[in-house]
Amino acid sequence: ADDGRGITQNIANELLSTGIDVITTGNHVWDKKEIIELTEKNNNVLRPANFVEGSPGKGFGANEIFIL
């Protein structure tokens, strides 16, 4: 984000639009409150797995992988 802490929805959407599979975050994930909704709706934006139970979002995720 502009101040070097957290991530905004615009940044996350831009990163995901490039084709990356997952965004992992760190302890400053909630510095931009707007990201809470995205982490709850999007399995590709993950909060740290060791956050306390009940924290918004998911600490791990998996997507289907197809091998042709």
N, C-alpha and C. Protein backbone atom coordinates (compact mmCIF):
# COMPACT_ATOMS: atom_id res chain seq x y z
N ALA A 1 0.84 -1.17 0.00
CA ALA A 1 0.00 0.00 0.00
C ALA A 1 0.89 1.24 0.00
N ASP A 2 0.29 2.38 -0.18
CA ASP A 2 1.06 3.62 -0.29
C ASP A 2 1.99 3.87 0.89
N ASP A 3 1.55 3.50 2.09
CA ASP A 3 2.38 3.74 3.27
C ASP A 3 3.28 2.56 3.61
N GLY A 4 3.30 1.53 2.75
CA GLY A 4 4.19 0.39 2.95
C GLY A 4 3.68 -0.66 3.91
N ARG A 5 2.42 -0.56 4.33
CA ARG A 5 1.86 -1.53 5.27
C ARG A 5 0.52 -2.03 4.74
N GLY A 6 0.32 -3.32 4.84
CA GLY A 6 -0.95 -3.90 4.43
C GLY A 6 -1.07 -4.03 2.92
N ILE A 7 -2.28 -4.35 2.48
CA ILE A 7 -2.58 -4.52 1.07
C ILE A 7 -4.00 -4.00 0.84
N THR A 8 -4.19 -3.34 -0.29
CA THR A 8 -5.51 -2.83 -0.63
C THR A 8 -6.21 -3.79 -1.58
N GLN A 9 -7.51 -3.63 -1.74
CA GLN A 9 -8.24 -4.46 -2.70
C GLN A 9 -7.73 -4.22 -4.10
N ASN A 10 -7.43 -2.99 -4.45
CA ASN A 10 -6.92 -2.70 -5.79
C ASN A 10 -5.60 -3.42 -6.05
N ILE A 11 -4.71 -3.40 -5.09
CA ILE A 11 -3.42 -4.09 -5.26
C ILE A 11 -3.64 -5.59 -5.39
N ALA A 12 -4.48 -6.16 -4.52
CA ALA A 12 -4.75 -7.60 -4.59
C ALA A 12 -5.37 -7.97 -5.93
N ASN A 13 -6.34 -7.21 -6.39
CA ASN A 13 -6.98 -7.50 -7.67
C ASN A 13 -6.00 -7.39 -8.82
N GLU A 14 -5.12 -6.40 -8.77
CA GLU A 14 -4.10 -6.24 -9.82
C GLU A 14 -3.16 -7.45 -9.84
N LEU A 15 -2.71 -7.87 -8.67
CA LEU A 15 -1.82 -9.03 -8.60
C LEU A 15 -2.51 -10.29 -9.12
N LEU A 16 -3.74 -10.51 -8.70
CA LEU A 16 -4.47 -11.71 -9.13
C LEU A 16 -4.75 -11.68 -10.63
N SER A 17 -4.93 -10.50 -11.20
CA SER A 17 -5.20 -10.40 -12.64
C SER A 17 -4.00 -10.78 -13.50
N THR A 18 -2.81 -10.81 -12.89
CA THR A 18 -1.61 -11.19 -13.64
C THR A 18 -1.48 -12.70 -13.79
N GLY A 19 -2.34 -13.45 -13.09
CA GLY A 19 -2.30 -14.90 -13.20
C GLY A 19 -1.66 -15.61 -12.02
N ILE A 20 -1.23 -14.86 -11.00
CA ILE A 20 -0.69 -15.56 -9.84
C ILE A 20 -1.79 -16.35 -9.15
N ASP A 21 -1.44 -17.38 -8.45
CA ASP A 21 -2.42 -18.26 -7.84
C ASP A 21 -2.85 -17.83 -6.44
N VAL A 22 -1.91 -17.33 -5.63
CA VAL A 22 -2.22 -17.04 -4.23
C VAL A 22 -1.42 -15.83 -3.76
N ILE A 23 -2.06 -15.02 -2.94
CA ILE A 23 -1.37 -13.93 -2.24
C ILE A 23 -1.31 -14.34 -0.77
N THR A 24 -0.11 -14.42 -0.25
CA THR A 24 0.04 -14.67 1.19
C THR A 24 0.35 -13.34 1.85
N THR A 25 -0.14 -13.17 3.06
CA THR A 25 0.04 -11.90 3.75
C THR A 25 0.80 -12.10 5.05
N GLY A 26 1.04 -11.01 5.73
CA GLY A 26 1.76 -11.07 6.99
C GLY A 26 1.00 -10.36 8.09
N ASN A 27 1.72 -10.00 9.13
CA ASN A 27 1.08 -9.46 10.32
C ASN A 27 0.46 -8.08 10.10
N HIS A 28 0.72 -7.43 9.00
CA HIS A 28 0.10 -6.12 8.73
C HIS A 28 -1.08 -6.23 7.77
N VAL A 29 -1.59 -7.42 7.56
CA VAL A 29 -2.67 -7.62 6.61
C VAL A 29 -3.88 -6.75 6.90
N TRP A 30 -4.20 -6.50 8.15
CA TRP A 30 -5.41 -5.74 8.48
C TRP A 30 -5.18 -4.24 8.58
N ASP A 31 -3.98 -3.76 8.24
CA ASP A 31 -3.73 -2.32 8.29
C ASP A 31 -4.67 -1.54 7.37
N LYS A 32 -5.11 -2.17 6.30
CA LYS A 32 -6.12 -1.58 5.41
C LYS A 32 -7.39 -2.40 5.58
N LYS A 33 -8.32 -1.85 6.34
CA LYS A 33 -9.54 -2.59 6.72
C LYS A 33 -10.33 -3.09 5.52
N GLU A 34 -10.20 -2.43 4.37
CA GLU A 34 -10.94 -2.84 3.18
C GLU A 34 -10.59 -4.27 2.73
N ILE A 35 -9.45 -4.78 3.12
CA ILE A 35 -9.02 -6.10 2.66
C ILE A 35 -9.75 -7.22 3.40
N ILE A 36 -10.36 -6.93 4.53
CA ILE A 36 -11.05 -7.96 5.31
C ILE A 36 -12.11 -8.66 4.46
N GLU A 37 -12.94 -7.89 3.77
CA GLU A 37 -13.99 -8.48 2.94
C GLU A 37 -13.40 -9.37 1.85
N LEU A 38 -12.33 -8.93 1.22
CA LEU A 38 -11.72 -9.73 0.15
C LEU A 38 -11.16 -11.04 0.69
N THR A 39 -10.54 -11.02 1.86
CA THR A 39 -9.97 -12.26 2.40
C THR A 39 -11.05 -13.25 2.81
N GLU A 40 -12.23 -12.74 3.15
CA GLU A 40 -13.32 -13.64 3.51
C GLU A 40 -14.00 -14.24 2.29
N LYS A 41 -13.97 -13.54 1.17
CA LYS A 41 -14.65 -14.00 -0.05
C LYS A 41 -13.73 -14.73 -1.01
N ASN A 42 -12.45 -14.45 -0.97
CA ASN A 42 -11.52 -14.95 -1.98
C ASN A 42 -10.55 -15.94 -1.36
N ASN A 43 -10.57 -17.17 -1.83
CA ASN A 43 -9.68 -18.21 -1.31
C ASN A 43 -8.23 -18.01 -1.74
N ASN A 44 -7.97 -17.06 -2.62
CA ASN A 44 -6.62 -16.84 -3.12
C ASN A 44 -5.87 -15.76 -2.35
N VAL A 45 -6.51 -15.14 -1.37
CA VAL A 45 -5.86 -14.14 -0.53
C VAL A 45 -5.89 -14.68 0.90
N LEU A 46 -4.71 -15.03 1.40
CA LEU A 46 -4.62 -15.72 2.68
C LEU A 46 -4.01 -14.85 3.76
N ARG A 47 -4.56 -14.97 4.96
CA ARG A 47 -3.95 -14.34 6.13
C ARG A 47 -2.97 -15.34 6.73
N PRO A 48 -2.11 -14.90 7.63
CA PRO A 48 -1.23 -15.86 8.29
C PRO A 48 -2.01 -16.98 8.98
N ALA A 49 -1.55 -18.20 8.85
CA ALA A 49 -2.24 -19.37 9.40
C ALA A 49 -2.24 -19.39 10.92
N ASN A 50 -1.30 -18.70 11.54
CA ASN A 50 -1.20 -18.75 13.00
C ASN A 50 -1.97 -17.64 13.70
N PHE A 51 -2.80 -16.89 12.97
CA PHE A 51 -3.66 -15.91 13.63
C PHE A 51 -4.69 -16.67 14.47
N VAL A 52 -5.21 -16.01 15.49
CA VAL A 52 -6.15 -16.66 16.40
C VAL A 52 -7.42 -17.08 15.67
N GLU A 53 -8.04 -18.16 16.17
CA GLU A 53 -9.29 -18.64 15.61
C GLU A 53 -10.32 -17.51 15.65
N GLY A 54 -11.06 -17.38 14.58
CA GLY A 54 -12.05 -16.32 14.47
C GLY A 54 -11.55 -15.10 13.72
N SER A 55 -10.26 -15.08 13.39
CA SER A 55 -9.74 -13.98 12.58
C SER A 55 -10.38 -14.04 11.20
N PRO A 56 -10.59 -12.89 10.57
CA PRO A 56 -11.17 -12.91 9.23
C PRO A 56 -10.30 -13.67 8.23
N GLY A 57 -10.93 -14.19 7.21
CA GLY A 57 -10.20 -14.86 6.13
C GLY A 57 -9.80 -16.28 6.47
N LYS A 58 -8.90 -16.79 5.63
CA LYS A 58 -8.43 -18.16 5.78
C LYS A 58 -6.92 -18.16 5.89
N GLY A 59 -6.40 -19.05 6.73
CA GLY A 59 -4.97 -19.15 6.93
C GLY A 59 -4.31 -20.16 6.01
N PHE A 60 -5.12 -20.88 5.27
CA PHE A 60 -4.58 -21.81 4.29
C PHE A 60 -5.66 -22.03 3.25
N GLY A 61 -5.27 -22.55 2.11
CA GLY A 61 -6.24 -22.80 1.06
C GLY A 61 -5.67 -23.76 0.04
N ALA A 62 -6.53 -24.26 -0.77
CA ALA A 62 -6.12 -25.16 -1.83
C ALA A 62 -7.05 -24.96 -3.02
N ASN A 63 -6.49 -24.95 -4.17
CA ASN A 63 -7.26 -24.89 -5.41
C ASN A 63 -7.18 -26.24 -6.08
N GLU A 64 -8.15 -26.51 -6.92
CA GLU A 64 -8.09 -27.75 -7.68
C GLU A 64 -6.97 -27.67 -8.71
N ILE A 65 -6.27 -28.75 -8.86
CA ILE A 65 -5.19 -28.83 -9.84
C ILE A 65 -5.56 -29.91 -10.83
N PHE A 66 -5.56 -29.56 -12.08
CA PHE A 66 -5.88 -30.52 -13.13
C PHE A 66 -4.62 -30.86 -13.89
N ILE A 67 -4.33 -32.12 -14.01
CA ILE A 67 -3.19 -32.58 -14.77
C ILE A 67 -3.72 -33.25 -16.02
N LEU A 68 -3.32 -32.72 -17.16
CA LEU A 68 -3.78 -33.28 -18.43
C LEU A 68 -2.71 -34.10 -19.07
